[in-house]
N, C-alpha and C. Protein backbone atom coordinates (compact mmCIF):
# COMPACT_ATOMS: atom_id res chain seq x y z
N MET A 1 53.58 9.82 43.13
CA MET A 1 55.59 9.93 42.58
C MET A 1 55.84 9.27 41.06
N ASN A 2 56.94 9.67 40.63
CA ASN A 2 57.00 8.36 39.68
C ASN A 2 58.76 8.57 39.71
N LEU A 3 59.45 7.26 38.81
CA LEU A 3 60.75 7.14 39.08
C LEU A 3 61.77 8.49 38.71
N SER A 4 61.76 9.70 37.70
CA SER A 4 61.75 10.27 37.58
C SER A 4 62.16 11.48 38.54
N THR A 5 60.97 12.33 39.40
CA THR A 5 60.99 12.49 40.27
C THR A 5 61.49 11.83 42.23
N LEU A 6 61.72 10.72 42.19
CA LEU A 6 62.01 10.05 43.24
C LEU A 6 64.13 10.18 42.66
N ILE A 7 64.27 10.26 42.06
CA ILE A 7 66.03 9.95 41.03
C ILE A 7 65.72 11.29 41.55
N ILE A 8 65.27 12.66 40.97
CA ILE A 8 65.85 13.50 41.58
C ILE A 8 65.72 14.30 42.92
N THR A 9 64.95 13.88 43.38
CA THR A 9 65.07 14.14 44.93
C THR A 9 66.00 13.50 45.77
N ILE A 10 66.45 12.06 45.59
CA ILE A 10 67.40 11.24 46.31
C ILE A 10 69.03 12.77 45.17
N GLY A 11 68.47 12.43 44.00
CA GLY A 11 70.01 13.21 43.51
C GLY A 11 70.44 14.46 44.45
N ALA A 12 69.22 15.45 44.84
CA ALA A 12 69.21 16.71 45.37
C ALA A 12 69.74 16.22 47.23
N ILE A 13 69.47 15.34 47.50
CA ILE A 13 69.47 15.24 49.17
C ILE A 13 71.05 14.78 49.26
N ALA A 14 71.41 13.64 48.06
CA ALA A 14 72.95 13.38 47.55
C ALA A 14 73.63 14.25 47.57
N PHE A 15 73.75 15.13 46.66
CA PHE A 15 74.08 16.58 46.96
C PHE A 15 74.45 17.46 47.94
N ILE A 16 73.53 17.73 48.86
CA ILE A 16 73.82 18.54 50.33
C ILE A 16 74.91 17.53 51.04
N LEU A 17 74.18 16.03 51.00
CA LEU A 17 75.39 15.11 51.60
C LEU A 17 77.17 15.40 51.61
N THR A 18 76.88 15.19 49.87
CA THR A 18 77.91 15.42 49.37
C THR A 18 79.33 16.85 50.11
N LEU A 19 78.14 18.05 49.49
CA LEU A 19 78.64 19.20 50.07
C LEU A 19 79.23 19.37 51.90
N ALA A 20 78.53 18.44 52.73
CA ALA A 20 78.50 18.42 53.92
C ALA A 20 80.13 17.54 54.11
N VAL A 21 79.70 16.91 53.38
CA VAL A 21 80.81 15.66 53.51
C VAL A 21 82.16 16.20 53.48
N GLY A 22 82.00 17.50 51.90
CA GLY A 22 83.21 17.97 52.35
C GLY A 22 83.64 19.75 52.61
N VAL A 23 82.91 19.92 52.90
CA VAL A 23 82.92 21.12 53.42
C VAL A 23 83.06 21.18 54.63
N ILE A 24 81.64 20.56 55.53
CA ILE A 24 81.60 20.75 56.92
C ILE A 24 82.58 19.33 57.73
N PHE A 25 82.79 18.02 57.32
CA PHE A 25 82.97 17.33 57.57
C PHE A 25 84.82 17.56 57.06
N LYS A 26 84.77 17.34 56.25
CA LYS A 26 86.28 17.66 54.89
C LYS A 26 86.91 16.23 54.97
N ARG A 27 86.09 15.37 54.78
CA ARG A 27 85.99 14.07 54.72
C ARG A 27 86.73 13.21 53.40
N HIS A 28 86.17 14.28 52.59
CA HIS A 28 85.97 13.74 51.11
C HIS A 28 87.59 13.46 50.31
N ASN A 29 87.40 12.36 49.66
CA ASN A 29 88.69 12.48 48.86
C ASN A 29 88.62 12.56 47.35
N SER A 30 87.18 12.27 47.04
CA SER A 30 86.87 12.96 44.89
C SER A 30 85.37 13.12 45.57
N TRP A 31 84.92 14.68 44.90
CA TRP A 31 83.45 14.54 44.38
C TRP A 31 82.66 13.92 44.66
N LEU A 32 83.04 13.13 43.13
CA LEU A 32 82.37 12.08 42.61
C LEU A 32 82.35 10.97 43.23
N MET A 33 83.41 10.42 43.78
CA MET A 33 83.04 9.47 44.67
C MET A 33 81.62 9.24 46.08
N SER A 34 82.06 10.84 46.42
CA SER A 34 81.35 10.91 47.17
C SER A 34 79.98 10.95 47.14
N PHE A 35 79.47 11.57 45.96
CA PHE A 35 78.22 12.11 45.36
C PHE A 35 77.79 10.08 45.24
N LEU A 36 78.16 9.56 44.37
CA LEU A 36 77.72 8.33 44.10
C LEU A 36 77.92 7.86 45.73
N GLN A 37 78.50 7.62 46.34
CA GLN A 37 77.98 7.23 47.66
C GLN A 37 77.11 7.54 48.19
N ASN A 38 76.45 8.59 48.69
CA ASN A 38 75.91 9.00 48.85
C ASN A 38 74.34 8.82 48.05
N PHE A 39 74.44 8.89 46.98
CA PHE A 39 73.03 8.46 46.11
C PHE A 39 72.53 6.97 46.45
N THR A 40 74.12 6.54 46.47
CA THR A 40 73.08 5.09 46.62
C THR A 40 73.41 4.43 47.87
N GLY A 41 73.73 5.45 48.62
CA GLY A 41 72.87 5.04 49.59
C GLY A 41 72.08 5.39 50.34
N VAL A 42 71.40 6.94 49.85
CA VAL A 42 69.96 7.30 50.34
C VAL A 42 69.31 5.99 49.55
N LEU A 43 69.47 5.97 48.11
CA LEU A 43 68.18 4.93 47.63
C LEU A 43 68.38 3.60 48.21
N PHE A 44 68.81 3.16 48.51
CA PHE A 44 69.51 1.98 49.40
C PHE A 44 68.61 1.93 50.92
N VAL A 45 68.66 2.94 51.37
CA VAL A 45 68.27 3.27 52.79
C VAL A 45 66.31 3.30 52.62
N PHE A 46 66.49 4.24 51.38
CA PHE A 46 64.92 4.30 51.40
C PHE A 46 64.48 3.34 50.65
N SER A 47 65.11 2.50 49.60
CA SER A 47 64.12 1.13 48.72
C SER A 47 63.94 0.49 50.30
N GLY A 48 65.05 -0.13 50.82
CA GLY A 48 64.86 -0.73 52.07
C GLY A 48 63.95 -0.37 52.97
N TYR A 49 63.31 0.94 53.39
CA TYR A 49 62.27 0.97 54.11
C TYR A 49 61.15 0.71 53.97
N VAL A 50 60.87 1.63 52.63
CA VAL A 50 59.48 1.03 52.20
C VAL A 50 59.28 -0.19 51.35
N LYS A 51 60.28 -1.11 51.42
CA LYS A 51 59.78 -2.01 51.59
C LYS A 51 59.60 -3.29 52.81
N ALA A 52 60.39 -2.72 54.27
CA ALA A 52 60.06 -3.26 54.68
C ALA A 52 58.60 -2.49 55.49
N ILE A 53 57.91 -1.77 55.26
CA ILE A 53 56.53 -1.26 55.91
C ILE A 53 55.60 -3.23 55.61
N ASP A 54 56.53 -3.74 54.42
CA ASP A 54 55.24 -4.44 54.37
C ASP A 54 56.09 -6.02 53.76
N PRO A 55 57.02 -6.38 54.77
CA PRO A 55 57.74 -7.53 54.18
C PRO A 55 57.30 -8.57 53.49
N LEU A 56 56.10 -9.06 53.60
CA LEU A 56 54.94 -9.88 53.56
C LEU A 56 54.92 -9.55 52.02
N GLY A 57 54.97 -8.46 51.51
CA GLY A 57 54.43 -8.10 49.75
C GLY A 57 55.85 -8.16 49.73
N THR A 58 57.45 -8.05 49.64
CA THR A 58 58.36 -8.62 49.26
C THR A 58 58.72 -10.21 49.21
N ALA A 59 58.13 -11.04 49.95
CA ALA A 59 58.40 -12.39 50.56
C ALA A 59 57.90 -12.68 49.12
N TYR A 60 56.30 -12.27 48.78
CA TYR A 60 55.35 -13.13 47.83
C TYR A 60 55.82 -12.38 46.86
N LYS A 61 56.70 -11.27 46.65
CA LYS A 61 57.29 -11.57 45.69
C LYS A 61 58.39 -12.04 45.22
N MET A 62 59.06 -12.39 46.20
CA MET A 62 60.26 -13.42 45.74
C MET A 62 59.42 -14.75 45.59
N GLU A 63 58.57 -14.80 46.19
CA GLU A 63 58.10 -16.93 45.36
C GLU A 63 57.31 -16.51 43.96
N GLN A 64 57.04 -15.48 43.68
CA GLN A 64 56.81 -15.50 42.51
C GLN A 64 57.88 -15.55 41.75
N TYR A 65 59.21 -15.26 41.86
CA TYR A 65 60.49 -14.75 41.42
C TYR A 65 60.91 -16.13 41.37
N PHE A 66 60.93 -16.93 42.30
CA PHE A 66 61.52 -18.24 42.62
C PHE A 66 60.43 -19.51 41.76
N ALA A 67 59.07 -19.05 41.48
CA ALA A 67 58.31 -20.14 40.95
C ALA A 67 58.30 -20.02 39.10
N GLU A 68 58.32 -18.82 38.87
CA GLU A 68 58.83 -18.60 37.49
C GLU A 68 60.59 -18.91 37.03
N LEU A 69 61.38 -18.89 38.31
CA LEU A 69 62.60 -19.74 37.38
C LEU A 69 62.34 -21.20 37.99
N GLN A 70 62.12 -21.43 38.57
CA GLN A 70 61.84 -22.74 38.69
C GLN A 70 61.31 -23.57 37.39
N VAL A 71 60.14 -22.89 37.21
CA VAL A 71 59.72 -23.57 35.50
C VAL A 71 60.51 -23.18 34.70
N THR A 72 61.31 -22.32 34.14
CA THR A 72 62.23 -22.24 33.54
C THR A 72 63.32 -22.76 33.53
N PHE A 73 63.98 -23.60 34.68
CA PHE A 73 65.16 -24.55 35.15
C PHE A 73 64.72 -25.71 34.62
N GLU A 74 63.30 -25.74 35.34
CA GLU A 74 63.23 -27.55 35.02
C GLU A 74 63.42 -27.91 33.48
N GLU A 75 63.25 -27.19 32.43
CA GLU A 75 62.86 -27.55 30.71
C GLU A 75 64.42 -27.55 30.10
N THR A 76 65.43 -27.14 30.99
CA THR A 76 66.73 -26.98 30.59
C THR A 76 67.99 -28.15 31.33
N TRP A 77 69.04 -28.43 31.06
CA TRP A 77 69.75 -29.12 31.02
C TRP A 77 70.74 -28.91 32.50
N ILE A 78 70.51 -27.65 32.70
CA ILE A 78 70.46 -27.73 33.79
C ILE A 78 69.16 -27.88 35.16
N SER A 79 68.92 -28.57 34.72
CA SER A 79 66.85 -29.07 35.30
C SER A 79 67.73 -29.23 37.39
N ILE A 80 68.96 -29.83 37.43
CA ILE A 80 69.05 -30.19 37.94
C ILE A 80 69.19 -28.80 39.44
N ILE A 81 68.97 -27.78 39.47
CA ILE A 81 68.97 -26.32 40.43
C ILE A 81 67.99 -26.20 40.55
N ALA A 82 66.86 -26.89 39.12
CA ALA A 82 65.60 -26.27 39.41
C ALA A 82 64.67 -26.49 40.89
N PRO A 83 64.94 -28.12 41.42
CA PRO A 83 64.82 -27.77 43.22
C PRO A 83 65.32 -26.98 43.86
N LEU A 84 65.90 -26.25 43.31
CA LEU A 84 66.32 -25.05 44.43
C LEU A 84 64.93 -24.26 44.64
N PHE A 85 64.58 -24.17 43.34
CA PHE A 85 63.53 -22.03 43.80
C PHE A 85 62.41 -22.78 44.36
N PRO A 86 62.07 -24.01 44.37
CA PRO A 86 61.13 -23.88 45.45
C PRO A 86 61.08 -24.48 46.91
N TRP A 87 62.77 -24.84 47.14
CA TRP A 87 63.54 -24.67 48.78
C TRP A 87 63.30 -23.78 49.15
N LEU A 88 63.44 -22.45 47.93
CA LEU A 88 63.71 -20.36 48.58
C LEU A 88 62.43 -20.92 48.28
N SER A 89 61.44 -20.71 48.33
CA SER A 89 60.42 -20.74 48.40
C SER A 89 59.58 -20.50 49.87
N GLY A 90 59.74 -21.53 49.72
CA GLY A 90 59.88 -22.31 51.62
C GLY A 90 60.37 -21.32 52.45
N PHE A 91 61.49 -20.79 52.38
CA PHE A 91 61.90 -19.61 53.14
C PHE A 91 61.84 -17.48 52.64
N ALA A 92 60.53 -17.94 51.96
CA ALA A 92 60.54 -16.26 51.56
C ALA A 92 60.63 -15.18 52.14
N VAL A 93 59.89 -15.54 53.41
CA VAL A 93 59.71 -14.16 54.47
C VAL A 93 61.20 -14.44 55.01
N VAL A 94 61.65 -14.46 55.10
CA VAL A 94 63.34 -15.06 55.85
C VAL A 94 64.36 -14.20 54.89
N PHE A 95 64.19 -14.89 53.96
CA PHE A 95 64.78 -14.16 52.43
C PHE A 95 64.44 -12.39 52.12
N ALA A 96 63.09 -13.08 52.46
CA ALA A 96 63.24 -10.76 52.42
C ALA A 96 63.47 -10.03 53.33
N ILE A 97 62.74 -10.40 54.92
CA ILE A 97 63.64 -9.82 55.85
C ILE A 97 64.95 -9.46 56.08
N VAL A 98 65.78 -10.90 55.53
CA VAL A 98 67.24 -10.60 55.38
C VAL A 98 67.23 -9.42 54.42
N MET A 99 67.05 -9.68 52.62
CA MET A 99 67.49 -8.80 52.00
C MET A 99 67.04 -7.82 52.16
N ILE A 100 66.40 -7.11 52.94
CA ILE A 100 65.88 -5.87 53.32
C ILE A 100 66.71 -4.86 54.28
N VAL A 101 66.78 -5.96 55.48
CA VAL A 101 68.12 -5.39 56.51
C VAL A 101 69.32 -5.15 56.12
N PHE A 102 69.57 -6.06 55.35
CA PHE A 102 71.36 -5.54 54.32
C PHE A 102 70.76 -4.54 53.85
N GLU A 103 69.31 -4.66 52.38
CA GLU A 103 69.90 -3.00 51.74
C GLU A 103 69.77 -1.82 52.68
N ILE A 104 68.89 -2.24 53.60
CA ILE A 104 69.68 -0.77 54.88
C ILE A 104 70.47 -1.04 55.56
N VAL A 105 71.48 -1.82 55.84
CA VAL A 105 72.85 -1.34 55.87
C VAL A 105 73.94 -1.30 55.21
N LEU A 106 73.36 -1.49 53.91
CA LEU A 106 74.45 -1.58 53.25
C LEU A 106 74.14 -0.66 52.69
N GLY A 107 72.99 0.37 53.17
CA GLY A 107 72.90 2.19 52.32
C GLY A 107 74.06 2.37 53.51
N VAL A 108 73.40 2.54 54.71
CA VAL A 108 74.03 3.44 56.23
C VAL A 108 75.89 2.92 55.34
N MET A 109 76.13 2.23 55.22
CA MET A 109 78.11 1.51 55.09
C MET A 109 78.38 2.55 53.59
N LEU A 110 77.65 2.94 53.33
CA LEU A 110 78.08 3.84 52.08
C LEU A 110 77.86 5.05 51.63
N LEU A 111 76.58 5.81 53.13
CA LEU A 111 76.67 6.76 53.07
C LEU A 111 78.23 7.28 54.69
N LEU A 112 78.56 5.90 55.16
CA LEU A 112 79.77 6.20 56.20
C LEU A 112 81.00 5.94 55.46
N GLY A 113 81.20 5.89 54.85
CA GLY A 113 82.07 4.91 54.23
C GLY A 113 82.76 4.06 54.74
N SER A 114 81.77 2.62 55.50
CA SER A 114 82.30 2.00 56.67
C SER A 114 83.31 0.59 56.01
N LYS A 115 83.47 0.01 55.77
CA LYS A 115 84.52 -1.11 55.65
C LYS A 115 84.34 -1.09 53.34
N SER A 116 84.99 0.06 53.11
CA SER A 116 84.97 0.49 51.77
C SER A 116 85.11 -1.22 51.23
N LYS A 117 85.79 -1.66 50.89
CA LYS A 117 86.27 -2.91 49.87
C LYS A 117 85.14 -3.84 50.39
N PHE A 118 84.69 -4.66 51.71
CA PHE A 118 83.59 -5.39 51.42
C PHE A 118 82.39 -4.44 50.81
N THR A 119 82.22 -3.01 51.36
CA THR A 119 80.74 -2.59 51.39
C THR A 119 80.66 -2.32 49.60
N ALA A 120 81.92 -2.43 49.31
CA ALA A 120 81.89 -2.31 47.11
C ALA A 120 81.41 -4.03 46.56
N TRP A 121 82.20 -4.78 47.14
CA TRP A 121 81.64 -5.71 47.21
C TRP A 121 80.01 -6.10 47.26
N ALA A 122 79.96 -5.87 48.51
CA ALA A 122 78.55 -6.50 48.15
C ALA A 122 77.59 -5.39 47.70
N PHE A 123 77.83 -4.11 47.75
CA PHE A 123 76.88 -3.54 46.20
C PHE A 123 76.90 -4.67 45.17
N LEU A 124 77.93 -4.06 44.72
CA LEU A 124 77.93 -5.23 43.30
C LEU A 124 76.95 -6.23 43.02
N LEU A 125 77.44 -6.70 43.87
CA LEU A 125 76.87 -8.47 44.70
C LEU A 125 75.73 -8.42 44.61
N LEU A 126 74.77 -8.01 45.28
CA LEU A 126 73.61 -7.01 45.05
C LEU A 126 72.66 -6.65 43.58
N VAL A 127 73.50 -5.52 43.60
CA VAL A 127 72.47 -4.90 42.51
C VAL A 127 72.70 -5.30 41.25
N ALA A 128 74.06 -6.73 41.26
CA ALA A 128 73.95 -8.04 40.00
C ALA A 128 72.54 -8.78 40.62
N PHE A 129 73.13 -9.22 41.31
CA PHE A 129 71.36 -10.38 42.38
C PHE A 129 70.19 -9.21 41.37
N PHE A 130 69.47 -7.98 42.11
CA PHE A 130 68.79 -7.34 41.64
C PHE A 130 68.49 -7.74 40.38
N THR A 131 70.35 -7.63 39.58
CA THR A 131 69.70 -6.57 37.66
C THR A 131 69.37 -8.51 36.91
N PHE A 132 69.71 -8.88 37.54
CA PHE A 132 69.56 -10.50 37.17
C PHE A 132 67.82 -10.91 37.28
N LEU A 133 67.24 -10.65 38.33
CA LEU A 133 66.01 -10.42 38.90
C LEU A 133 65.08 -9.69 37.23
N THR A 134 65.71 -8.51 37.16
CA THR A 134 64.36 -8.02 36.77
C THR A 134 64.64 -7.61 35.39
N GLY A 135 66.41 -8.88 34.64
CA GLY A 135 67.01 -8.82 33.35
C GLY A 135 65.95 -9.98 32.92
N PHE A 136 66.18 -11.04 33.72
CA PHE A 136 65.42 -11.79 33.37
C PHE A 136 63.58 -11.77 33.19
N THR A 137 62.78 -10.98 33.91
CA THR A 137 61.33 -10.81 33.85
C THR A 137 61.19 -10.13 33.24
N PHE A 138 61.85 -8.99 32.82
CA PHE A 138 62.29 -7.91 31.57
C PHE A 138 62.06 -8.88 30.15
N LEU A 139 62.99 -9.71 29.99
CA LEU A 139 62.63 -10.43 28.69
C LEU A 139 62.04 -11.38 28.95
N THR A 140 61.64 -12.18 30.09
CA THR A 140 60.21 -12.26 29.10
C THR A 140 59.29 -12.39 28.46
N GLY A 141 59.38 -11.04 28.22
CA GLY A 141 58.36 -10.14 27.69
C GLY A 141 58.85 -10.94 25.99
N TYR A 142 59.64 -11.43 25.52
CA TYR A 142 59.87 -11.71 24.58
C TYR A 142 59.43 -12.97 24.13
N VAL A 143 59.06 -13.64 25.59
CA VAL A 143 59.18 -15.38 25.38
C VAL A 143 57.42 -15.12 24.77
N PRO A 144 57.08 -16.10 23.86
CA PRO A 144 55.62 -15.90 23.62
C PRO A 144 55.10 -17.15 25.01
N ALA A 145 53.76 -17.63 25.04
CA ALA A 145 53.01 -18.80 25.78
C ALA A 145 53.75 -19.71 24.60
N GLY A 146 53.69 -20.89 26.31
CA GLY A 146 54.57 -22.53 25.67
C GLY A 146 55.96 -22.71 25.52
N ALA A 147 56.53 -21.40 25.75
CA ALA A 147 57.78 -21.09 25.36
C ALA A 147 59.00 -21.00 26.01
N ASN A 148 60.37 -21.87 26.05
CA ASN A 148 60.79 -21.86 27.63
C ASN A 148 61.56 -20.43 27.22
N PHE A 149 62.05 -20.37 28.30
CA PHE A 149 62.94 -18.85 28.22
C PHE A 149 64.06 -18.58 27.65
N PHE A 150 64.74 -20.52 27.39
CA PHE A 150 66.43 -20.51 26.71
C PHE A 150 65.88 -20.63 25.16
N ALA A 151 65.07 -21.13 24.57
CA ALA A 151 64.37 -21.48 23.49
C ALA A 151 64.69 -20.04 23.21
N PHE A 152 65.54 -19.94 22.49
CA PHE A 152 66.11 -18.40 21.68
C PHE A 152 65.36 -18.17 20.27
N ASP A 153 65.35 -19.41 20.10
CA ASP A 153 64.34 -19.25 18.59
C ASP A 153 63.29 -18.97 18.46
N GLN A 154 62.80 -19.31 19.42
CA GLN A 154 61.47 -19.26 19.82
C GLN A 154 60.40 -17.92 20.27
N TRP A 155 61.29 -16.87 20.13
CA TRP A 155 61.13 -15.33 20.85
C TRP A 155 60.77 -14.54 19.77
N SER A 156 59.05 -13.92 20.24
CA SER A 156 58.70 -13.16 19.36
C SER A 156 59.22 -11.40 19.73
N ASN A 157 58.68 -10.71 19.00
CA ASN A 157 58.35 -9.21 19.72
C ASN A 157 57.75 -9.16 20.71
N TYR A 158 58.20 -8.26 21.40
CA TYR A 158 57.95 -7.53 22.58
C TYR A 158 56.80 -7.25 23.36
N ASP A 159 55.97 -8.19 24.74
CA ASP A 159 55.00 -8.25 24.72
C ASP A 159 54.92 -7.56 26.11
N PRO A 160 54.65 -6.76 27.13
CA PRO A 160 54.74 -6.45 28.13
C PRO A 160 53.56 -7.54 28.89
N LEU A 161 52.60 -8.10 28.30
CA LEU A 161 51.21 -8.82 29.11
C LEU A 161 52.26 -10.22 29.02
N GLN A 162 53.31 -10.97 29.12
CA GLN A 162 54.11 -11.75 28.51
C GLN A 162 54.81 -12.26 29.59
N MET A 163 55.29 -10.99 29.66
CA MET A 163 55.80 -11.17 31.41
C MET A 163 55.49 -11.70 32.62
N LYS A 164 55.74 -12.77 33.00
CA LYS A 164 55.56 -13.44 34.22
C LYS A 164 55.51 -12.82 35.45
N VAL A 165 56.44 -11.88 35.82
CA VAL A 165 56.33 -10.77 37.16
C VAL A 165 56.38 -9.57 36.56
N THR A 166 55.30 -8.92 36.74
CA THR A 166 54.80 -7.56 36.26
C THR A 166 55.20 -6.14 36.63
N ASP A 167 55.48 -6.63 38.39
CA ASP A 167 55.79 -5.50 39.17
C ASP A 167 57.02 -6.41 39.76
N CYS A 168 58.23 -5.29 39.89
CA CYS A 168 59.44 -5.69 40.12
C CYS A 168 59.91 -5.58 42.02
N GLY A 169 58.70 -5.09 42.23
CA GLY A 169 59.20 -4.84 43.87
C GLY A 169 59.98 -3.70 43.75
N CYS A 170 60.87 -3.41 44.15
CA CYS A 170 61.85 -2.76 44.63
C CYS A 170 61.57 -1.33 45.10
N PHE A 171 60.04 -0.78 45.42
CA PHE A 171 60.33 0.07 46.12
C PHE A 171 58.72 -0.60 46.75
N GLY A 172 58.30 -1.23 47.29
CA GLY A 172 56.94 -1.67 47.52
C GLY A 172 56.23 -1.24 46.76
N ASP A 173 55.00 -1.25 47.75
CA ASP A 173 53.68 -0.43 47.31
C ASP A 173 53.94 1.09 47.18
N PHE A 174 55.09 1.58 47.62
CA PHE A 174 55.70 3.26 47.38
C PHE A 174 55.13 3.08 45.73
N LEU A 175 56.38 2.09 45.07
CA LEU A 175 56.37 2.78 43.72
C LEU A 175 56.62 1.75 42.87
N LYS A 176 55.48 1.56 42.05
CA LYS A 176 55.36 0.14 40.90
C LYS A 176 56.43 0.63 39.66
N LEU A 177 57.20 -0.43 39.42
CA LEU A 177 57.58 -0.27 37.92
C LEU A 177 57.61 -1.49 37.62
N GLU A 178 57.61 -1.27 36.16
CA GLU A 178 57.98 -2.65 35.26
C GLU A 178 59.45 -3.06 35.26
N PRO A 179 59.27 -4.48 35.20
CA PRO A 179 60.84 -4.95 35.37
C PRO A 179 61.42 -4.30 34.10
N ARG A 180 60.86 -3.59 32.65
CA ARG A 180 62.27 -2.50 31.68
C ARG A 180 62.52 -1.98 32.50
N ILE A 181 61.61 -0.82 33.30
CA ILE A 181 62.34 -0.08 33.46
C ILE A 181 63.24 0.04 34.47
N SER A 182 62.69 -0.99 35.58
CA SER A 182 63.21 -1.23 37.14
C SER A 182 64.99 -1.93 36.20
N PHE A 183 65.01 -2.63 35.11
CA PHE A 183 66.37 -3.35 34.73
C PHE A 183 67.35 -2.45 33.91
N PHE A 184 66.15 -1.53 33.41
CA PHE A 184 67.91 -0.16 33.03
C PHE A 184 68.09 0.72 34.03
N LYS A 185 67.48 0.68 35.45
CA LYS A 185 67.85 1.23 36.42
C LYS A 185 68.27 0.23 37.20
N ASP A 186 68.69 -0.45 37.28
CA ASP A 186 69.86 -1.45 38.01
C ASP A 186 70.84 -1.77 36.87
N LEU A 187 71.06 -1.46 35.96
CA LEU A 187 72.03 -1.69 34.47
C LEU A 187 73.00 -0.56 34.82
N ALA A 188 71.90 0.83 35.43
CA ALA A 188 72.46 2.30 35.67
C ALA A 188 72.99 1.91 36.83
N LEU A 189 72.83 1.22 37.93
CA LEU A 189 73.75 1.31 38.90
C LEU A 189 75.16 0.43 39.06
N LEU A 190 75.24 -0.35 37.43
CA LEU A 190 76.30 -1.53 38.09
C LEU A 190 77.87 -0.05 37.89
N VAL A 191 77.02 0.63 36.90
CA VAL A 191 78.46 1.98 37.24
C VAL A 191 78.92 2.13 38.12
N PRO A 192 78.23 2.56 39.63
CA PRO A 192 78.93 3.26 40.65
C PRO A 192 79.08 1.49 41.24
N ALA A 193 78.69 0.86 41.07
CA ALA A 193 79.28 -0.70 41.70
C ALA A 193 80.57 -0.88 41.51
N LEU A 194 80.51 -1.05 40.05
CA LEU A 194 81.63 -1.02 39.54
C LEU A 194 83.10 0.22 40.44
N ILE A 195 82.87 1.81 39.95
CA ILE A 195 83.34 2.51 40.02
C ILE A 195 83.72 2.51 41.70
N PHE A 196 83.18 1.95 42.66
CA PHE A 196 83.79 1.77 44.35
C PHE A 196 83.96 0.11 43.96
N ILE A 197 84.17 -1.15 43.30
CA ILE A 197 85.69 -1.72 43.30
C ILE A 197 86.51 -1.65 42.97
N PHE A 198 86.83 -0.30 42.10
CA PHE A 198 88.19 0.20 41.48
C PHE A 198 88.67 0.84 41.90
N ARG A 199 87.84 1.18 43.33
CA ARG A 199 88.11 2.72 43.73
C ARG A 199 88.12 2.98 45.15
N HIS A 200 87.73 1.94 45.98
CA HIS A 200 86.36 1.77 46.97
C HIS A 200 87.96 2.86 47.96
N GLU A 201 89.53 2.54 48.07
CA GLU A 201 90.15 3.37 49.04
C GLU A 201 89.59 5.06 48.34
N ASP A 202 89.03 5.75 47.99
CA ASP A 202 88.69 7.02 47.69
C ASP A 202 87.59 7.65 48.25
N MET A 203 86.76 6.29 48.18
CA MET A 203 85.82 6.27 49.15
C MET A 203 85.88 7.47 50.32
N HIS A 204 84.62 8.35 51.28
CA HIS A 204 84.78 9.30 51.88
C HIS A 204 84.75 8.66 53.50
N ARG A 205 84.92 8.60 54.15
CA ARG A 205 84.65 7.68 55.37
C ARG A 205 84.40 8.74 56.50
N LEU A 206 83.34 8.56 57.12
CA LEU A 206 82.37 9.39 58.14
C LEU A 206 82.99 9.06 59.30
N PHE A 207 83.11 9.94 60.82
CA PHE A 207 83.66 9.58 62.09
C PHE A 207 84.98 8.26 62.31
N SER A 208 84.77 8.18 63.55
CA SER A 208 86.60 7.07 63.39
C SER A 208 85.23 5.48 63.34
N PRO A 209 86.56 4.69 63.15
CA PRO A 209 85.72 3.34 62.57
C PRO A 209 84.95 2.82 63.91
N SER A 210 85.05 2.79 65.58
CA SER A 210 84.31 2.98 66.53
C SER A 210 82.69 3.52 66.09
N VAL A 211 82.83 4.54 66.12
CA VAL A 211 81.08 5.55 65.83
C VAL A 211 80.82 4.88 64.36
N ARG A 212 81.33 4.14 63.56
CA ARG A 212 80.46 4.00 62.43
C ARG A 212 79.78 2.11 63.04
N SER A 213 80.66 1.80 63.84
CA SER A 213 80.31 0.48 64.01
C SER A 213 78.55 0.73 64.84
N THR A 214 79.11 1.71 65.32
CA THR A 214 78.11 1.46 66.84
C THR A 214 76.67 1.97 65.62
N ILE A 215 76.91 2.49 65.00
CA ILE A 215 75.90 3.30 64.24
C ILE A 215 75.01 2.16 63.43
N ILE A 216 76.48 1.11 62.99
CA ILE A 216 75.85 0.56 62.19
C ILE A 216 74.99 -0.76 63.03
N ALA A 217 75.07 -0.80 63.80
CA ALA A 217 74.91 -1.55 64.70
C ALA A 217 73.27 -0.79 65.53
N VAL A 218 73.51 0.08 65.77
CA VAL A 218 72.05 0.57 65.98
C VAL A 218 70.90 0.30 65.35
N VAL A 219 71.35 0.72 63.52
CA VAL A 219 70.37 0.64 62.56
C VAL A 219 69.51 -0.54 62.33
């Protein structure tokens, strides 16, 4: 399966769920908002699930990101933050597990429309975090060996062999995405993220608050 097939599949599932929300549950305030909730919710649940199969693989990927960020910031005027990354690497497994669980729970919250304002901001922050990681890795493809990322005058033509992390790890071992593709995916996800921020009151809400909380607790 490639990314296009995955997006089409998730889109089809989201379409069916949106019809269910509007026709069966009659809980939609906006067809577009419901579709975006269902699409991003299914995407996050699936992404979290496939990473949960091998959380150590996700932890290793985070160690790669942290190592490259450490090297990059050590040579800048904000080198004071460089020691933060090896410290984070020491908690890579815990970090990976928390991130995976948070991603799945956030996906369920989007599907249910639970705590819409919190969910909107949490989604934006998580997507922004993913965009930072994939964007940094993708842009290292313009940085020749021996040059620092922030030495923009030394950037050269894009070469994927120069990228420090060659797979974003977004979908675990299920689907390998090069950082360039994953970066554009994350940029696209910023669109619904911003829509959620400004129109979170239009999110559909399934079931009662107590039922939603119970479902999330079970997850």
